[in-house]
PDB file of N, CA and C in Angstrom:
ATOM      1  N   MET A   1      -9.325 -34.742  21.052  1.00  0.00           N
ATOM      2  CA  MET A   1      -9.140 -33.249  21.981  1.00  0.00           C
ATOM      3  C   MET A   1     -10.157 -31.499  22.266  1.00  0.00           C
ATOM      4  N   PRO A   2     -10.246 -31.083  23.395  1.00  0.00           N
ATOM      5  CA  PRO A   2     -11.345 -30.432  23.499  1.00  0.00           C
ATOM      6  C   PRO A   2     -10.637 -28.815  22.549  1.00  0.00           C
ATOM      7  N   ASP A   3      -9.985 -28.907  22.774  1.00  0.00           N
ATOM      8  CA  ASP A   3      -8.746 -27.756  21.882  1.00  0.00           C
ATOM      9  C   ASP A   3      -8.800 -27.307  20.771  1.00  0.00           C
ATOM     10  N   SER A   4      -9.922 -26.836  20.090  1.00  0.00           N
ATOM     11  CA  SER A   4      -9.512 -27.074  18.754  1.00  0.00           C
ATOM     12  C   SER A   4      -8.883 -26.112  17.636  1.00  0.00           C
ATOM     13  N   PRO A   5      -8.101 -26.167  16.810  1.00  0.00           N
ATOM     14  CA  PRO A   5      -6.962 -25.183  16.714  1.00  0.00           C
ATOM     15  C   PRO A   5      -7.911 -24.606  15.409  1.00  0.00           C
ATOM     16  N   ASP A   6      -9.082 -24.636  15.066  1.00  0.00           N
ATOM     17  CA  ASP A   6      -9.816 -23.546  14.187  1.00  0.00           C
ATOM     18  C   ASP A   6     -10.717 -22.429  14.732  1.00  0.00           C
ATOM     19  N   LYS A   7     -10.430 -22.623  16.356  1.00  0.00           N
ATOM     20  CA  LYS A   7     -11.133 -21.597  17.368  1.00  0.00           C
ATOM     21  C   LYS A   7      -9.572 -20.152  17.933  1.00  0.00           C
ATOM     22  N   PRO A   8      -9.163 -19.106  16.299  1.00  0.00           N
ATOM     23  CA  PRO A   8      -8.697 -18.399  17.408  1.00  0.00           C
ATOM     24  C   PRO A   8      -8.393 -18.239  18.550  1.00  0.00           C
ATOM     25  N   ASP A   9      -9.148 -18.263  19.815  1.00  0.00           N
ATOM     26  CA  ASP A   9      -9.122 -17.392  21.057  1.00  0.00           C
ATOM     27  C   ASP A   9      -9.212 -18.498  22.358  1.00  0.00           C
ATOM     28  N   SER A  10      -9.277 -19.985  21.461  1.00  0.00           N
ATOM     29  CA  SER A  10      -8.738 -21.155  22.223  1.00  0.00           C
ATOM     30  C   SER A  10      -7.174 -21.396  22.488  1.00  0.00           C
ATOM     31  N   CYS A  11      -6.865 -21.349  24.104  1.00  0.00           N
ATOM     32  CA  CYS A  11      -5.404 -21.467  24.143  1.00  0.00           C
ATOM     33  C   CYS A  11      -5.132 -23.200  23.959  1.00  0.00           C
ATOM     34  N   CYS A  12      -4.866 -23.453  22.876  1.00  0.00           N
ATOM     35  CA  CYS A  12      -4.322 -25.025  22.895  1.00  0.00           C
ATOM     36  C   CYS A  12      -2.887 -25.448  23.568  1.00  0.00           C
ATOM     37  N   GLY A  13      -2.212 -24.443  24.351  1.00  0.00           N
ATOM     38  CA  GLY A  13      -1.034 -25.263  25.221  1.00  0.00           C
ATOM     39  C   GLY A  13       0.589 -25.426  24.163  1.00  0.00           C
ATOM     40  N   ARG A  14       0.135 -25.143  23.067  1.00  0.00           N
ATOM     41  CA  ARG A  14       1.440 -25.215  22.493  1.00  0.00           C
ATOM     42  C   ARG A  14       2.207 -24.359  22.228  1.00  0.00           C
ATOM     43  N   GLY A  15       1.866 -23.235  23.068  1.00  0.00           N
ATOM     44  CA  GLY A  15       2.771 -21.723  23.102  1.00  0.00           C
ATOM     45  C   GLY A  15       2.275 -21.414  22.078  1.00  0.00           C
ATOM     46  N   GLY A  16       3.035 -20.078  22.086  1.00  0.00           N
ATOM     47  CA  GLY A  16       3.032 -19.111  21.073  1.00  0.00           C
ATOM     48  C   GLY A  16       2.567 -17.181  21.278  1.00  0.00           C
ATOM     49  N   ALA A  17       2.248 -16.555  20.928  1.00  0.00           N
ATOM     50  CA  ALA A  17       1.147 -16.014  21.443  1.00  0.00           C
ATOM     51  C   ALA A  17      -0.592 -16.519  21.559  1.00  0.00           C
ATOM     52  N   ARG A  18      -0.154 -15.462  22.751  1.00  0.00           N
ATOM     53  CA  ARG A  18      -2.379 -15.223  23.387  1.00  0.00           C
ATOM     54  C   ARG A  18      -3.133 -14.068  23.652  1.00  0.00           C
ATOM     55  N   PRO A  19      -3.608 -13.487  23.450  1.00  0.00           N
ATOM     56  CA  PRO A  19      -4.395 -12.733  23.863  1.00  0.00           C
ATOM     57  C   PRO A  19      -3.708 -12.327  25.858  1.00  0.00           C
ATOM     58  N   GLY A  20      -3.600 -11.091  25.886  1.00  0.00           N
ATOM     59  CA  GLY A  20      -3.315 -10.609  27.104  1.00  0.00           C
ATOM     60  C   GLY A  20      -2.037 -10.572  27.416  1.00  0.00           C
ATOM     61  N   CYS A  21      -1.362 -12.130  27.298  1.00  0.00           N
ATOM     62  CA  CYS A  21      -0.002 -12.460  27.384  1.00  0.00           C
ATOM     63  C   CYS A  21       0.972 -10.954  26.749  1.00  0.00           C
ATOM     64  N   GLY A  22       2.801 -11.674  27.726  1.00  0.00           N
ATOM     65  CA  GLY A  22       3.881 -10.901  26.640  1.00  0.00           C
ATOM     66  C   GLY A  22       3.960  -9.473  26.825  1.00  0.00           C
ATOM     67  N   ARG A  23       4.451  -8.541  26.841  1.00  0.00           N
ATOM     68  CA  ARG A  23       5.365  -7.339  26.581  1.00  0.00           C
ATOM     69  C   ARG A  23       4.306  -6.747  26.604  1.00  0.00           C
ATOM     70  N   LYS A  24       4.003  -5.199  27.242  1.00  0.00           N
ATOM     71  CA  LYS A  24       2.932  -4.082  26.406  1.00  0.00           C
ATOM     72  C   LYS A  24       2.913  -3.783  25.481  1.00  0.00           C
ATOM     73  N   PRO A  25       2.937  -3.087  24.107  1.00  0.00           N
ATOM     74  CA  PRO A  25       3.755  -2.300  23.262  1.00  0.00           C
ATOM     75  C   PRO A  25       3.757  -0.884  23.398  1.00  0.00           C
ATOM     76  N   GLY A  26       5.063  -0.921  23.044  1.00  0.00           N
ATOM     77  CA  GLY A  26       5.667   1.411  23.253  1.00  0.00           C
ATOM     78  C   GLY A  26       6.584   0.900  24.865  1.00  0.00           C
ATOM     79  N   ILE A  27       6.765  -0.462  25.776  1.00  0.00           N
ATOM     80  CA  ILE A  27       7.261  -0.211  26.447  1.00  0.00           C
ATOM     81  C   ILE A  27       8.365  -0.644  26.526  1.00  0.00           C
ATOM     82  N   LYS A  28       9.584   0.034  26.119  1.00  0.00           N
ATOM     83  CA  LYS A  28      11.205   0.352  26.098  1.00  0.00           C
ATOM     84  C   LYS A  28      12.081  -0.299  27.396  1.00  0.00           C
ATOM     85  N   THR A  29      12.966  -0.999  27.265  1.00  0.00           N
ATOM     86  CA  THR A  29      13.571  -0.726  28.784  1.00  0.00           C
ATOM     87  C   THR A  29      14.795  -1.256  28.573  1.00  0.00           C
ATOM     88  N   ARG A  30      16.196  -0.432  29.250  1.00  0.00           N
ATOM     89  CA  ARG A  30      17.476  -0.379  28.712  1.00  0.00           C
ATOM     90  C   ARG A  30      18.297  -0.598  30.348  1.00  0.00           C
ATOM     91  N   PRO A  31      17.614  -1.789  30.305  1.00  0.00           N
ATOM     92  CA  PRO A  31      18.962  -3.079  32.046  1.00  0.00           C
ATOM     93  C   PRO A  31      20.291  -2.541  31.764  1.00  0.00           C
ATOM     94  N   VAL A  32      20.320  -2.319  33.426  1.00  0.00           N
ATOM     95  CA  VAL A  32      21.744  -1.710  33.754  1.00  0.00           C
ATOM     96  C   VAL A  32      22.272  -3.023  34.591  1.00  0.00           C
ATOM     97  N   ARG A  33      22.787  -3.568  34.692  1.00  0.00           N
ATOM     98  CA  ARG A  33      23.230  -4.174  35.418  1.00  0.00           C
ATOM     99  C   ARG A  33      24.636  -3.713  36.844  1.00  0.00           C
ATOM    100  N   LEU A  34      24.172  -3.429  37.858  1.00  0.00           N
ATOM    101  CA  LEU A  34      24.661  -2.939  39.434  1.00  0.00           C
ATOM    102  C   LEU A  34      25.896  -3.553  40.176  1.00  0.00           C
ATOM    103  N   PRO A  35      27.091  -3.540  40.393  1.00  0.00           N
ATOM    104  CA  PRO A  35      27.473  -4.051  41.169  1.00  0.00           C
ATOM    105  C   PRO A  35      27.034  -4.252  42.710  1.00  0.00           C
ATOM    106  N   VAL A  36      26.558  -5.490  43.081  1.00  0.00           N
ATOM    107  CA  VAL A  36      26.043  -5.627  44.240  1.00  0.00           C
ATOM    108  C   VAL A  36      26.182  -5.341  45.593  1.00  0.00           C
ATOM    109  N   TRP A  37      27.298  -5.105  45.200  1.00  0.00           N
ATOM    110  CA  TRP A  37      27.620  -4.045  46.947  1.00  0.00           C
ATOM    111  C   TRP A  37      27.181  -2.536  46.132  1.00  0.00           C
ATOM    112  N   LEU A  38      27.318  -1.827  45.250  1.00  0.00           N
ATOM    113  CA  LEU A  38      26.520  -0.890  45.043  1.00  0.00           C
ATOM    114  C   LEU A  38      24.996  -0.755  45.724  1.00  0.00           C
ATOM    115  N   LEU A  39      24.599  -2.637  45.291  1.00  0.00           N
ATOM    116  CA  LEU A  39      23.365  -1.819  44.978  1.00  0.00           C
ATOM    117  C   LEU A  39      23.242  -2.169  46.807  1.00  0.00           C
ATOM    118  N   ASP A  40      23.772  -2.414  47.081  1.00  0.00           N
ATOM    119  CA  ASP A  40      23.353  -3.142  48.885  1.00  0.00           C
ATOM    120  C   ASP A  40      23.754  -1.764  49.273  1.00  0.00           C
ATOM    121  N   ALA A  41      24.783  -0.892  49.072  1.00  0.00           N
ATOM    122  CA  ALA A  41      24.905   0.342  50.046  1.00  0.00           C
ATOM    123  C   ALA A  41      23.285   1.768  49.229  1.00  0.00           C
ATOM    124  N   LEU A  42      22.883   1.223  48.229  1.00  0.00           N
ATOM    125  CA  LEU A  42      22.024   2.044  48.015  1.00  0.00           C
ATOM    126  C   LEU A  42      21.009   1.435  49.478  1.00  0.00           C
ATOM    127  N   GLU A  43      20.779   0.064  48.983  1.00  0.00           N
ATOM    128  CA  GLU A  43      19.105  -0.169  49.516  1.00  0.00           C
ATOM    129  C   GLU A  43      19.408   1.002  51.640  1.00  0.00           C
ATOM    130  N   GLN A  44      20.842   0.917  52.039  1.00  0.00           N
ATOM    131  CA  GLN A  44      20.790   0.896  53.072  1.00  0.00           C
ATOM    132  C   GLN A  44      20.249   2.664  53.308  1.00  0.00           C
ATOM    133  N   GLN A  45      20.929   3.153  51.943  1.00  0.00           N
ATOM    134  CA  GLN A  45      20.285   4.376  52.300  1.00  0.00           C
ATOM    135  C   GLN A  45      18.345   4.684  51.523  1.00  0.00           C
ATOM    136  N   ASP A  46      18.509   4.269  50.430  1.00  0.00           N
ATOM    137  CA  ASP A  46      17.051   5.140  50.628  1.00  0.00           C
ATOM    138  C   ASP A  46      16.763   3.793  49.445  1.00  0.00           C
ATOM    139  N   ASP A  47      15.110   3.785  48.510  1.00  0.00           N
ATOM    140  CA  ASP A  47      14.861   3.209  47.755  1.00  0.00           C
ATOM    141  C   ASP A  47      15.557   3.458  46.620  1.00  0.00           C
ATOM    142  N   VAL A  48      16.089   2.237  45.823  1.00  0.00           N
ATOM    143  CA  VAL A  48      17.605   2.021  44.980  1.00  0.00           C
ATOM    144  C   VAL A  48      17.267   2.974  44.002  1.00  0.00           C
ATOM    145  N   ARG A  49      15.793   3.458  43.075  1.00  0.00           N
ATOM    146  CA  ARG A  49      15.703   4.016  42.139  1.00  0.00           C
ATOM    147  C   ARG A  49      15.681   5.195  42.739  1.00  0.00           C
ATOM    148  N   HIS A  50      15.720   5.819  43.775  1.00  0.00           N
ATOM    149  CA  HIS A  50      15.063   7.016  43.614  1.00  0.00           C
ATOM    150  C   HIS A  50      16.895   7.135  44.281  1.00  0.00           C
ATOM    151  N   ALA A  51      17.077   6.763  44.758  1.00  0.00           N
ATOM    152  CA  ALA A  51      18.832   7.313  45.560  1.00  0.00           C
ATOM    153  C   ALA A  51      19.755   7.185  44.235  1.00  0.00           C
ATOM    154  N   ILE A  52      19.386   6.411  42.581  1.00  0.00           N
ATOM    155  CA  ILE A  52      19.981   6.361  41.506  1.00  0.00           C
ATOM    156  C   ILE A  52      19.849   8.016  40.751  1.00  0.00           C
ATOM    157  N   ILE A  53      18.202   8.272  41.073  1.00  0.00           N
ATOM    158  CA  ILE A  53      17.989   8.926  40.487  1.00  0.00           C
ATOM    159  C   ILE A  53      18.573  10.635  40.805  1.00  0.00           C
ATOM    160  N   ARG A  54      18.528  10.559  42.913  1.00  0.00           N
ATOM    161  CA  ARG A  54      18.876  12.192  42.896  1.00  0.00           C
ATOM    162  C   ARG A  54      20.390  11.920  43.159  1.00  0.00           C
ATOM    163  N   ALA A  55      21.483  10.773  43.240  1.00  0.00           N
ATOM    164  CA  ALA A  55      22.373  11.138  42.273  1.00  0.00           C
ATOM    165  C   ALA A  55      22.913  11.310  40.647  1.00  0.00           C
ATOM    166  N   CYS A  56      22.136  10.472  40.121  1.00  0.00           N
ATOM    167  CA  CYS A  56      22.696  11.619  38.963  1.00  0.00           C
ATOM    168  C   CYS A  56      21.547  12.471  38.511  1.00  0.00           C
ATOM    169  N   SER A  57      21.175  13.137  39.864  1.00  0.00           N
ATOM    170  CA  SER A  57      20.866  14.958  38.629  1.00  0.00           C
ATOM    171  C   SER A  57      21.680  15.437  40.014  1.00  0.00           C
ATOM    172  N   ASN A  58      22.035  15.103  40.812  1.00  0.00           N
ATOM    173  CA  ASN A  58      23.248  15.794  41.894  1.00  0.00           C
ATOM    174  C   ASN A  58      24.172  15.928  41.298  1.00  0.00           C
ATOM    175  N   GLU A  59      25.035  15.032  40.772  1.00  0.00           N
ATOM    176  CA  GLU A  59      25.943  15.492  40.019  1.00  0.00           C
ATOM    177  C   GLU A  59      26.178  15.201  38.656  1.00  0.00           C
ATOM    178  N   TYR A  60      25.327  14.920  37.943  1.00  0.00           N
ATOM    179  CA  TYR A  60      25.630  15.803  36.540  1.00  0.00           C
ATOM    180  C   TYR A  60      24.366  16.682  35.872  1.00  0.00           C
ATOM    181  N   GLY A  61      23.890  17.264  37.123  1.00  0.00           N
ATOM    182  CA  GLY A  61      22.933  18.302  36.820  1.00  0.00           C
ATOM    183  C   GLY A  61      21.653  18.021  36.385  1.00  0.00           C
ATOM    184  N   ILE A  62      21.515  16.131  35.947  1.00  0.00           N
ATOM    185  CA  ILE A  62      20.040  16.408  34.756  1.00  0.00           C
ATOM    186  C   ILE A  62      18.887  16.665  35.564  1.00  0.00           C
ATOM    187  N   GLU A  63      17.787  17.343  35.555  1.00  0.00           N
ATOM    188  CA  GLU A  63      16.926  17.283  36.044  1.00  0.00           C
ATOM    189  C   GLU A  63      15.384  16.782  35.212  1.00  0.00           C
ATOM    190  N   LEU A  64      14.544  16.676  36.976  1.00  0.00           N
ATOM    191  CA  LEU A  64      14.077  15.583  36.168  1.00  0.00           C
ATOM    192  C   LEU A  64      12.627  16.858  34.658  1.00  0.00           C
ATOM    193  N   PRO A  65      12.057  16.175  33.870  1.00  0.00           N
ATOM    194  CA  PRO A  65      11.660  16.487  33.438  1.00  0.00           C
ATOM    195  C   PRO A  65       9.991  17.185  34.101  1.00  0.00           C
ATOM    196  N   ALA A  66       8.889  18.025  33.164  1.00  0.00           N
ATOM    197  CA  ALA A  66       8.433  18.519  34.616  1.00  0.00           C
ATOM    198  C   ALA A  66       7.093  17.482  34.897  1.00  0.00           C
ATOM    199  N   HIS A  67       6.607  16.854  33.504  1.00  0.00           N
ATOM    200  CA  HIS A  67       5.446  16.184  33.805  1.00  0.00           C
ATOM    201  C   HIS A  67       6.293  15.108  35.521  1.00  0.00           C
ATOM    202  N   CYS A  68       6.842  14.654  35.552  1.00  0.00           N
ATOM    203  CA  CYS A  68       7.618  13.455  36.194  1.00  0.00           C
ATOM    204  C   CYS A  68       7.248  14.164  37.870  1.00  0.00           C
ATOM    205  N   ASN A  69       6.611  13.448  38.677  1.00  0.00           N
ATOM    206  CA  ASN A  69       6.590  14.186  39.832  1.00  0.00           C
ATOM    207  C   ASN A  69       7.589  12.849  41.010  1.00  0.00           C
ATOM    208  N   PRO A  70       8.208  13.873  41.608  1.00  0.00           N
ATOM    209  CA  PRO A  70      10.028  14.117  42.170  1.00  0.00           C
ATOM    210  C   PRO A  70       9.779  12.576  43.306  1.00  0.00           C
ATOM    211  N   GLY A  71       8.214  12.198  43.515  1.00  0.00           N
ATOM    212  CA  GLY A  71       7.988  11.037  44.558  1.00  0.00           C
ATOM    213  C   GLY A  71       8.137   9.932  43.650  1.00  0.00           C
ATOM    214  N   LYS A  72       7.747   9.934  42.663  1.00  0.00           N
ATOM    215  CA  LYS A  72       7.792   8.687  41.342  1.00  0.00           C
ATOM    216  C   LYS A  72       9.340   8.496  41.005  1.00  0.00           C
ATOM    217  N   ALA A  73       9.869   6.970  41.347  1.00  0.00           N
ATOM    218  CA  ALA A  73      10.966   6.456  40.358  1.00  0.00           C
ATOM    219  C   ALA A  73      11.013   5.921  39.417  1.00  0.00           C
ATOM    220  N   ASP A  74       9.290   5.239  38.714  1.00  0.00           N
ATOM    221  CA  ASP A  74       9.253   5.355  37.349  1.00  0.00           C
ATOM    222  C   ASP A  74       8.842   5.795  35.995  1.00  0.00           C
ATOM    223  N   ASP A  75       8.668   6.781  36.065  1.00  0.00           N
ATOM    224  CA  ASP A  75       8.939   7.865  34.986  1.00  0.00           C
ATOM    225  C   ASP A  75      10.093   7.959  34.280  1.00  0.00           C
TER     226      ASP A  75
END
């Protein structure tokens, strides 16, 4: 067997934690499922994320934080 379990850096193919793999620390997501018909309609208008941000801003008066670039939707 070429991989030794004594070496912490070797990847033995048994799964588990490996260096450089997995979600980065501190990144949290809040997934929301939207209906397919709504996503299709938003894609026809613009980028879906931009459209959602613009709609929430207009409808609910939610303003972008000062550090956010209005051209980027991933902040």
